[in-house]
Amino acid sequence: MIGFIVAGLVIGALARLIKPGKQSLGILATLLLGLVGSVIGGTIANLLGTGDIWELNVLGFVVAVIASVLLIGVAEGIASSRHKTAH
C-alpha cells in the first residue's frame, strides 16, 4: 500500500512534467490527481489481465501517467473557468 502511494505521487509529478503550458494547480492537487490516475491505471491493467490493481506493472504505470495528465488538464480547465467566472 505504501508503494502504491509513492507510485501515485511519482505518477502525479511525471504527469505535471509531461503536461505542457503553465499550470495553476497546487502540488497537493497534482499529487492527489496522480493517486487517482494510479488507481485508474491499475484498474485498467487489471481489466486487461496484466496483474492485480495494487501491483506495479509497466502497462498500469503508462496508463496511470496518461490518466493523470488528462485529469490534471480537466482540473485546470475547471479551475480556470471558475477563476474567469469570479471576475
N, C-alpha and C. Protein backbone atom coordinates (compact mmCIF):
# COMPACT_ATOMS: atom_id res chain seq x y z
N MET A 1 0.82 -1.20 0.00
CA MET A 1 0.00 0.00 0.00
C MET A 1 0.87 1.27 0.00
N ILE A 2 1.94 1.27 0.76
CA ILE A 2 2.84 2.43 0.78
C ILE A 2 3.50 2.60 -0.59
N GLY A 3 3.87 1.49 -1.21
CA GLY A 3 4.43 1.55 -2.55
C GLY A 3 3.45 2.13 -3.55
N PHE A 4 2.18 1.80 -3.39
CA PHE A 4 1.13 2.33 -4.27
C PHE A 4 1.03 3.85 -4.11
N ILE A 5 1.10 4.33 -2.88
CA ILE A 5 1.01 5.77 -2.62
C ILE A 5 2.23 6.48 -3.22
N VAL A 6 3.40 5.92 -3.00
CA VAL A 6 4.62 6.52 -3.55
C VAL A 6 4.56 6.53 -5.08
N ALA A 7 4.11 5.42 -5.67
CA ALA A 7 3.98 5.37 -7.14
C ALA A 7 2.98 6.42 -7.61
N GLY A 8 1.90 6.61 -6.89
CA GLY A 8 0.91 7.63 -7.26
C GLY A 8 1.49 9.02 -7.21
N LEU A 9 2.31 9.28 -6.21
CA LEU A 9 2.96 10.59 -6.10
C LEU A 9 3.94 10.82 -7.24
N VAL A 10 4.69 9.78 -7.59
CA VAL A 10 5.63 9.87 -8.71
C VAL A 10 4.86 10.08 -10.02
N ILE A 11 3.76 9.37 -10.17
CA ILE A 11 2.94 9.49 -11.38
C ILE A 11 2.38 10.91 -11.50
N GLY A 12 1.93 11.49 -10.39
CA GLY A 12 1.44 12.86 -10.41
C GLY A 12 2.53 13.84 -10.81
N ALA A 13 3.73 13.65 -10.28
CA ALA A 13 4.85 14.53 -10.63
C ALA A 13 5.22 14.38 -12.11
N LEU A 14 5.25 13.15 -12.61
CA LEU A 14 5.54 12.93 -14.03
C LEU A 14 4.48 13.55 -14.92
N ALA A 15 3.23 13.40 -14.53
CA ALA A 15 2.14 13.97 -15.33
C ALA A 15 2.28 15.49 -15.40
N ARG A 16 2.66 16.09 -14.30
CA ARG A 16 2.83 17.55 -14.28
C ARG A 16 3.99 17.96 -15.19
N LEU A 17 5.04 17.17 -15.23
CA LEU A 17 6.17 17.48 -16.11
C LEU A 17 5.82 17.28 -17.58
N ILE A 18 4.98 16.28 -17.87
CA ILE A 18 4.62 15.96 -19.25
C ILE A 18 3.64 16.98 -19.82
N LYS A 19 2.70 17.42 -19.00
CA LYS A 19 1.66 18.34 -19.48
C LYS A 19 2.28 19.69 -19.81
N PRO A 20 2.08 20.16 -21.05
CA PRO A 20 2.69 21.43 -21.45
C PRO A 20 1.93 22.63 -20.89
N GLY A 21 2.58 23.77 -20.90
CA GLY A 21 1.92 25.02 -20.52
C GLY A 21 2.01 25.33 -19.04
N LYS A 22 1.53 26.54 -18.72
CA LYS A 22 1.52 26.98 -17.32
C LYS A 22 0.42 26.22 -16.58
N GLN A 23 0.73 25.79 -15.38
CA GLN A 23 -0.23 25.00 -14.61
C GLN A 23 -0.59 25.76 -13.35
N SER A 24 -1.89 25.85 -13.11
CA SER A 24 -2.37 26.63 -11.98
C SER A 24 -2.70 25.78 -10.75
N LEU A 25 -2.60 24.47 -10.88
CA LEU A 25 -2.89 23.59 -9.75
C LEU A 25 -1.72 23.57 -8.77
N GLY A 26 -2.04 23.45 -7.50
CA GLY A 26 -1.01 23.33 -6.49
C GLY A 26 -0.40 21.93 -6.49
N ILE A 27 0.67 21.78 -5.78
CA ILE A 27 1.36 20.49 -5.74
C ILE A 27 0.52 19.41 -5.07
N LEU A 28 -0.25 19.77 -4.05
CA LEU A 28 -1.09 18.80 -3.37
C LEU A 28 -2.17 18.26 -4.32
N ALA A 29 -2.81 19.15 -5.07
CA ALA A 29 -3.83 18.73 -6.03
C ALA A 29 -3.21 17.83 -7.11
N THR A 30 -2.03 18.19 -7.56
CA THR A 30 -1.34 17.39 -8.58
C THR A 30 -1.04 15.99 -8.05
N LEU A 31 -0.57 15.91 -6.82
CA LEU A 31 -0.24 14.61 -6.24
C LEU A 31 -1.49 13.77 -6.01
N LEU A 32 -2.57 14.41 -5.58
CA LEU A 32 -3.83 13.66 -5.40
C LEU A 32 -4.37 13.15 -6.74
N LEU A 33 -4.25 13.96 -7.78
CA LEU A 33 -4.68 13.50 -9.10
C LEU A 33 -3.77 12.38 -9.60
N GLY A 34 -2.51 12.40 -9.20
CA GLY A 34 -1.60 11.30 -9.52
C GLY A 34 -2.04 10.01 -8.85
N LEU A 35 -2.50 10.11 -7.61
CA LEU A 35 -3.02 8.92 -6.91
C LEU A 35 -4.27 8.39 -7.61
N VAL A 36 -5.16 9.29 -8.01
CA VAL A 36 -6.37 8.87 -8.72
C VAL A 36 -5.99 8.23 -10.05
N GLY A 37 -5.05 8.84 -10.76
CA GLY A 37 -4.57 8.26 -12.01
C GLY A 37 -3.95 6.90 -11.82
N SER A 38 -3.28 6.72 -10.69
CA SER A 38 -2.68 5.44 -10.37
C SER A 38 -3.74 4.36 -10.18
N VAL A 39 -4.83 4.72 -9.51
CA VAL A 39 -5.94 3.77 -9.33
C VAL A 39 -6.56 3.43 -10.68
N ILE A 40 -6.75 4.44 -11.52
CA ILE A 40 -7.31 4.21 -12.86
C ILE A 40 -6.40 3.30 -13.67
N GLY A 41 -5.10 3.58 -13.65
CA GLY A 41 -4.14 2.75 -14.39
C GLY A 41 -4.13 1.32 -13.90
N GLY A 42 -4.15 1.14 -12.58
CA GLY A 42 -4.18 -0.21 -12.01
C GLY A 42 -5.45 -0.95 -12.36
N THR A 43 -6.57 -0.24 -12.36
CA THR A 43 -7.85 -0.86 -12.70
C THR A 43 -7.87 -1.31 -14.16
N ILE A 44 -7.41 -0.44 -15.06
CA ILE A 44 -7.38 -0.79 -16.48
C ILE A 44 -6.43 -1.95 -16.73
N ALA A 45 -5.26 -1.93 -16.10
CA ALA A 45 -4.31 -3.03 -16.26
C ALA A 45 -4.90 -4.33 -15.73
N ASN A 46 -5.64 -4.25 -14.63
CA ASN A 46 -6.29 -5.42 -14.07
C ASN A 46 -7.35 -5.96 -15.03
N LEU A 47 -8.13 -5.06 -15.61
CA LEU A 47 -9.16 -5.48 -16.55
C LEU A 47 -8.56 -6.13 -17.81
N LEU A 48 -7.36 -5.70 -18.18
CA LEU A 48 -6.68 -6.28 -19.34
C LEU A 48 -5.93 -7.56 -18.99
N GLY A 49 -5.93 -7.90 -17.70
CA GLY A 49 -5.34 -9.16 -17.27
C GLY A 49 -3.84 -9.13 -17.09
N THR A 50 -3.26 -7.95 -16.87
CA THR A 50 -1.81 -7.89 -16.70
C THR A 50 -1.37 -7.98 -15.25
N GLY A 51 -2.30 -8.00 -14.33
CA GLY A 51 -1.93 -8.13 -12.92
C GLY A 51 -3.00 -7.54 -12.03
N ASP A 52 -2.75 -7.62 -10.75
CA ASP A 52 -3.66 -7.10 -9.75
C ASP A 52 -3.64 -5.58 -9.76
N ILE A 53 -4.72 -4.95 -9.29
CA ILE A 53 -4.82 -3.49 -9.28
C ILE A 53 -3.73 -2.85 -8.43
N TRP A 54 -3.30 -3.50 -7.38
CA TRP A 54 -2.28 -2.94 -6.48
C TRP A 54 -0.87 -3.31 -6.90
N GLU A 55 -0.73 -4.05 -7.98
CA GLU A 55 0.56 -4.48 -8.47
C GLU A 55 1.13 -3.44 -9.41
N LEU A 56 2.39 -3.11 -9.28
CA LEU A 56 3.02 -2.17 -10.18
C LEU A 56 3.50 -2.92 -11.42
N ASN A 57 2.96 -2.55 -12.58
CA ASN A 57 3.43 -3.12 -13.83
C ASN A 57 3.53 -2.03 -14.87
N VAL A 58 4.20 -2.33 -15.97
CA VAL A 58 4.50 -1.31 -16.97
C VAL A 58 3.23 -0.74 -17.59
N LEU A 59 2.31 -1.58 -18.01
CA LEU A 59 1.08 -1.10 -18.64
C LEU A 59 0.28 -0.24 -17.67
N GLY A 60 0.13 -0.68 -16.45
CA GLY A 60 -0.59 0.10 -15.45
C GLY A 60 0.06 1.44 -15.20
N PHE A 61 1.39 1.46 -15.17
CA PHE A 61 2.12 2.71 -14.95
C PHE A 61 1.90 3.68 -16.10
N VAL A 62 2.01 3.18 -17.33
CA VAL A 62 1.82 4.04 -18.52
C VAL A 62 0.39 4.59 -18.55
N VAL A 63 -0.60 3.73 -18.33
CA VAL A 63 -1.99 4.17 -18.32
C VAL A 63 -2.22 5.16 -17.18
N ALA A 64 -1.61 4.94 -16.05
CA ALA A 64 -1.75 5.84 -14.91
C ALA A 64 -1.20 7.22 -15.23
N VAL A 65 -0.06 7.29 -15.89
CA VAL A 65 0.52 8.59 -16.26
C VAL A 65 -0.40 9.30 -17.25
N ILE A 66 -0.89 8.58 -18.24
CA ILE A 66 -1.80 9.18 -19.23
C ILE A 66 -3.08 9.68 -18.54
N ALA A 67 -3.65 8.85 -17.67
CA ALA A 67 -4.86 9.25 -16.94
C ALA A 67 -4.59 10.47 -16.07
N SER A 68 -3.44 10.53 -15.45
CA SER A 68 -3.11 11.67 -14.60
C SER A 68 -2.94 12.95 -15.41
N VAL A 69 -2.32 12.85 -16.57
CA VAL A 69 -2.18 14.03 -17.44
C VAL A 69 -3.57 14.54 -17.83
N LEU A 70 -4.45 13.63 -18.20
CA LEU A 70 -5.82 14.02 -18.56
C LEU A 70 -6.56 14.62 -17.38
N LEU A 71 -6.43 14.01 -16.20
CA LEU A 71 -7.09 14.54 -15.01
C LEU A 71 -6.59 15.93 -14.65
N ILE A 72 -5.29 16.14 -14.77
CA ILE A 72 -4.73 17.46 -14.48
C ILE A 72 -5.26 18.49 -15.48
N GLY A 73 -5.35 18.10 -16.74
CA GLY A 73 -5.90 19.01 -17.76
C GLY A 73 -7.34 19.38 -17.46
N VAL A 74 -8.15 18.40 -17.09
CA VAL A 74 -9.56 18.66 -16.77
C VAL A 74 -9.66 19.54 -15.53
N ALA A 75 -8.89 19.22 -14.50
CA ALA A 75 -8.93 20.01 -13.27
C ALA A 75 -8.50 21.45 -13.52
N GLU A 76 -7.48 21.65 -14.34
CA GLU A 76 -7.05 23.00 -14.66
C GLU A 76 -8.10 23.74 -15.46
N GLY A 77 -8.78 23.04 -16.37
CA GLY A 77 -9.85 23.65 -17.14
C GLY A 77 -10.98 24.11 -16.24
N ILE A 78 -11.34 23.28 -15.29
CA ILE A 78 -12.39 23.63 -14.33
C ILE A 78 -11.95 24.81 -13.46
N ALA A 79 -10.72 24.75 -12.99
CA ALA A 79 -10.20 25.83 -12.13
C ALA A 79 -10.13 27.16 -12.88
N SER A 80 -9.70 27.13 -14.13
CA SER A 80 -9.58 28.39 -14.88
C SER A 80 -10.96 28.94 -15.25
N SER A 81 -11.93 28.07 -15.53
CA SER A 81 -13.27 28.56 -15.85
C SER A 81 -13.93 29.17 -14.60
N ARG A 82 -13.68 28.61 -13.45
CA ARG A 82 -14.18 29.20 -12.20
C ARG A 82 -13.52 30.54 -11.92
N HIS A 83 -12.22 30.62 -12.22
CA HIS A 83 -11.47 31.84 -11.98
C HIS A 83 -11.99 32.95 -12.90
N LYS A 84 -12.28 32.65 -14.16
CA LYS A 84 -12.79 33.64 -15.10
C LYS A 84 -14.20 34.08 -14.73
N THR A 85 -15.02 33.16 -14.24
CA THR A 85 -16.39 33.48 -13.83
C THR A 85 -16.40 34.38 -12.61
N ALA A 86 -15.45 34.21 -11.73
CA ALA A 86 -15.39 35.01 -10.49
C ALA A 86 -15.06 36.46 -10.77
N HIS A 87 -14.39 36.73 -11.88
CA HIS A 87 -14.01 38.12 -12.20
C HIS A 87 -15.09 38.76 -12.93
